[in-house]
Protein backbone atom coordinates (compact mmCIF):
# COMPACT_ATOMS: atom_id res chain seq x y z
CA MET A 1 -7.03 9.27 8.59
CA PRO A 2 -5.50 6.25 6.82
CA ILE A 3 -7.64 3.58 5.19
CA ALA A 4 -7.63 0.22 6.98
CA LEU A 5 -5.82 -2.53 5.07
CA ASP A 6 -8.91 -4.72 4.95
CA ASN A 7 -10.72 -1.95 3.02
CA LEU A 8 -8.33 -2.01 0.05
CA ARG A 9 -9.82 -3.09 -3.28
CA VAL A 10 -8.18 -4.94 -6.18
CA GLY A 11 -7.68 -2.67 -9.20
CA ARG A 12 -7.70 0.57 -7.21
CA LYS A 13 -4.76 2.95 -6.75
CA TYR A 14 -3.54 4.21 -3.38
CA ARG A 15 -0.92 6.62 -2.04
CA LEU A 16 1.14 5.23 0.85
CA VAL A 17 3.26 7.48 3.05
CA ASN A 18 5.42 5.74 5.65
CA GLN A 19 8.70 6.67 7.32
CA GLY A 20 9.46 9.44 4.83
CA GLU A 21 8.73 7.40 1.70
CA ILE A 22 5.83 8.18 -0.61
CA ARG A 23 4.62 5.42 -2.93
CA THR A 24 1.79 5.26 -5.45
CA LEU A 25 0.47 1.70 -5.53
CA GLU A 26 -2.04 -0.33 -7.49
CA ILE A 27 -3.58 -3.34 -5.79
CA ILE A 28 -3.04 -6.39 -8.04
CA ALA A 29 -4.40 -9.27 -5.93
CA ARG A 30 -5.51 -10.18 -2.43
CA LEU A 31 -3.17 -12.85 -1.08
CA SER A 32 -4.62 -13.61 2.35
CA GLY A 33 -6.29 -11.65 5.12
CA ASP A 34 -4.91 -8.12 4.95
CA ASN A 35 -1.95 -8.96 2.69
CA PHE A 36 -2.05 -7.80 -0.93
CA LYS A 37 0.20 -8.00 -3.98
CA VAL A 38 0.82 -4.42 -5.12
CA LYS A 39 2.50 -2.74 -8.06
CA ASP A 40 4.57 0.39 -7.37
CA LEU A 41 3.47 2.75 -10.15
CA ASP A 42 6.67 4.81 -9.93
CA THR A 43 9.21 1.96 -10.22
CA LEU A 44 6.90 -0.72 -11.71
CA GLU A 45 8.13 -3.23 -9.10
CA TYR A 46 5.85 -5.69 -7.32
CA TYR A 47 5.67 -6.00 -3.52
CA THR A 48 3.29 -7.20 -0.85
CA ILE A 49 1.77 -4.82 1.66
CA HIS A 50 3.48 -6.79 4.44
CA GLU A 51 6.89 -6.18 2.81
CA LEU A 52 6.24 -2.44 2.72
CA LEU A 53 5.15 -2.35 6.36
CA GLN A 54 7.58 -4.92 7.78
CA TRP A 55 9.61 -2.29 9.65
CA GLY A 56 6.52 -0.77 11.27
CA ARG A 57 4.36 2.26 10.74
CA GLY A 58 6.02 5.62 11.24
CA LYS A 59 4.53 8.80 12.70
CA ASP A 60 3.80 9.98 9.15
CA TYR A 61 1.91 6.80 8.12
CA ASP A 62 -0.99 7.49 5.77
CA LEU A 63 -2.85 5.39 3.20
CA GLU A 64 -5.42 7.03 0.97
CA GLU A 65 -7.10 6.35 -2.36
CA HIS A 66 -5.36 8.01 -5.32
CA ASN A 67 -7.06 9.17 -8.51
């Protein structure tokens, strides 16, 4: 079961699976509500959670803490 967005913590790492893409993310800052600035640990790019989920959540959606 995926973690709810409001349970994410700054400084922690998470694995996001959505619409066939797998991303390892680190939460950098909480922007507002359930929107966060995240760093993609594979490409080292910065995004917001809303940018990653703007096209919806696929059948394979999962968000879990990563060690």
